[in-house]
Amino acid sequence: MAAAAAEQQQFYLLLGNLLSPDNVVRKQAEETYENIPGQSKITFLLQAIRNTTAAEEARQMAAVLLRRLLSSAFDEVYPALPSDVQTAIKSELLMIIQMETQSSMRKKVCDIAAELARNLIASSLG
């Protein structure tokens, strides 16, 4: 469990670096982020969004990144997840929407849920 917590802590640092005004730091963070496997990204991003003690900027960045991931790489990432994990992601998003107190954050999580629903509908039709 300690390894997972350490990885999540590293991910928070990465989110902070993605927001850095320093181009070198931000570029390096973008490269690091791109090398994280999609399924791990989903887990880390959801944990960051759920963590109300994390910096608001980091949580919002995680929400934007998760929506982008579902928008651009849905077919590579989501169907490969076990069905119980897919169900947990849906439940988690709905729970965050209900519990979130910051309206801007709640809107971002609604955008994630809408993107997920759009992709699920498109994949069931196609």
Protein backbone atom coordinates (compact mmCIF):
# COMPACT_ATOMS: atom_id res chain seq x y z
CA MET A 1 0.00 0.00 0.00
CA ALA A 2 2.91 2.35 0.73
CA ALA A 3 4.13 1.98 -2.87
CA ALA A 4 0.73 3.03 -4.20
CA ALA A 5 0.70 6.07 -1.90
CA ALA A 6 4.20 7.01 -3.04
CA GLU A 7 3.16 6.66 -6.69
CA GLN A 8 0.12 8.85 -6.07
CA GLN A 9 2.35 11.43 -4.36
CA GLN A 10 4.65 11.40 -7.41
CA PHE A 11 1.59 11.90 -9.58
CA TYR A 12 0.58 15.01 -7.58
CA LEU A 13 4.06 16.41 -8.17
CA LEU A 14 3.65 15.63 -11.86
CA LEU A 15 0.29 17.47 -11.94
CA GLY A 16 1.96 20.45 -10.28
CA ASN A 17 4.75 20.38 -12.86
CA LEU A 18 2.20 20.22 -15.70
CA LEU A 19 0.90 23.54 -14.37
CA SER A 20 4.39 25.05 -14.10
CA PRO A 21 5.07 28.37 -15.83
CA ASP A 22 8.62 27.07 -16.53
CA ASN A 23 8.61 25.58 -20.05
CA VAL A 24 11.41 23.11 -19.30
CA VAL A 25 9.66 21.74 -16.20
CA ARG A 26 6.30 21.58 -17.98
CA LYS A 27 7.75 19.87 -21.09
CA GLN A 28 9.47 17.22 -18.96
CA ALA A 29 6.22 16.65 -17.01
CA GLU A 30 4.27 16.27 -20.29
CA GLU A 31 6.74 13.62 -21.49
CA THR A 32 6.51 11.76 -18.18
CA TYR A 33 2.70 11.91 -18.27
CA GLU A 34 2.61 10.53 -21.83
CA ASN A 35 4.65 7.49 -20.72
CA ILE A 36 2.20 6.46 -18.00
CA PRO A 37 -0.03 3.57 -19.17
CA GLY A 38 -3.64 4.62 -19.85
CA GLN A 39 -5.18 2.40 -17.19
CA SER A 40 -2.81 3.81 -14.55
CA LYS A 41 -3.61 7.35 -15.70
CA ILE A 42 -7.33 6.74 -15.09
CA THR A 43 -6.64 5.46 -11.57
CA PHE A 44 -4.27 8.28 -10.66
CA LEU A 45 -6.49 10.97 -12.17
CA LEU A 46 -9.62 9.71 -10.38
CA GLN A 47 -7.74 9.57 -7.07
CA ALA A 48 -6.50 13.11 -7.60
CA ILE A 49 -10.01 14.36 -8.40
CA ARG A 50 -11.45 12.58 -5.35
CA ASN A 51 -8.78 13.97 -2.99
CA THR A 52 -10.37 17.13 -1.58
CA THR A 53 -7.20 17.88 0.41
CA ALA A 54 -5.15 18.24 -2.79
CA ALA A 55 -4.55 21.66 -4.32
CA GLU A 56 -7.59 22.84 -6.28
CA GLU A 57 -5.45 23.55 -9.37
CA ALA A 58 -4.12 19.98 -9.34
CA ARG A 59 -7.62 18.53 -8.97
CA GLN A 60 -8.90 20.64 -11.86
CA MET A 61 -5.92 19.67 -14.01
CA ALA A 62 -6.62 16.00 -13.23
CA ALA A 63 -10.26 16.47 -14.28
CA VAL A 64 -9.24 18.09 -17.57
CA LEU A 65 -6.69 15.35 -18.26
CA LEU A 66 -9.19 12.57 -17.52
CA ARG A 67 -11.77 14.10 -19.86
CA ARG A 68 -9.09 14.46 -22.56
CA LEU A 69 -7.99 10.87 -22.05
CA LEU A 70 -11.56 9.61 -22.44
CA SER A 71 -11.98 11.86 -25.47
CA SER A 72 -8.78 10.99 -27.33
CA ALA A 73 -7.87 7.46 -26.23
CA PHE A 74 -11.16 5.91 -25.10
CA ASP A 75 -10.93 2.88 -27.42
CA GLU A 76 -7.38 2.04 -26.32
CA VAL A 77 -7.94 2.51 -22.60
CA TYR A 78 -11.49 1.95 -21.38
CA PRO A 79 -12.51 -1.35 -23.05
CA ALA A 80 -9.28 -2.95 -21.77
CA LEU A 81 -10.33 -2.30 -18.17
CA PRO A 82 -12.00 -5.17 -16.29
CA SER A 83 -15.78 -4.71 -16.13
CA ASP A 84 -15.74 -4.23 -12.34
CA VAL A 85 -13.24 -1.38 -12.78
CA GLN A 86 -15.44 0.17 -15.49
CA THR A 87 -18.41 0.00 -13.11
CA ALA A 88 -16.33 1.48 -10.29
CA ILE A 89 -15.29 4.42 -12.51
CA LYS A 90 -18.91 5.19 -13.38
CA SER A 91 -19.97 4.96 -9.71
CA GLU A 92 -17.01 7.05 -8.62
CA LEU A 93 -17.80 9.84 -11.08
CA LEU A 94 -21.43 9.97 -9.97
CA MET A 95 -20.41 9.98 -6.31
CA ILE A 96 -17.90 12.81 -6.87
CA ILE A 97 -20.59 14.86 -8.64
CA GLN A 98 -22.90 14.42 -5.63
CA MET A 99 -20.23 15.15 -3.01
CA GLU A 100 -18.24 17.93 -4.70
CA THR A 101 -18.69 21.33 -3.07
CA GLN A 102 -16.79 23.46 -5.62
CA SER A 103 -19.10 24.28 -8.52
CA SER A 104 -16.26 24.62 -11.07
CA MET A 105 -14.90 21.22 -10.05
CA ARG A 106 -18.37 19.65 -10.15
CA LYS A 107 -18.85 21.00 -13.68
CA LYS A 108 -15.54 19.47 -14.78
CA VAL A 109 -16.53 16.09 -13.32
CA CYS A 110 -19.90 16.36 -15.11
CA ASP A 111 -17.94 16.96 -18.32
CA ILE A 112 -15.96 13.75 -17.66
CA ALA A 113 -19.18 11.77 -17.05
CA ALA A 114 -20.70 13.22 -20.25
CA GLU A 115 -17.58 12.29 -22.27
CA LEU A 116 -17.66 8.76 -20.85
CA ALA A 117 -21.38 8.41 -21.64
CA ARG A 118 -20.86 9.76 -25.17
CA ASN A 119 -18.12 7.21 -25.83
CA LEU A 120 -20.11 4.33 -24.31
CA ILE A 121 -23.12 5.17 -26.46
CA ALA A 122 -20.98 5.53 -29.58
CA SER A 123 -19.22 2.19 -28.95
CA SER A 124 -22.52 0.38 -28.31
CA LEU A 125 -23.95 1.75 -31.58
CA GLY A 126 -20.86 1.22 -33.65
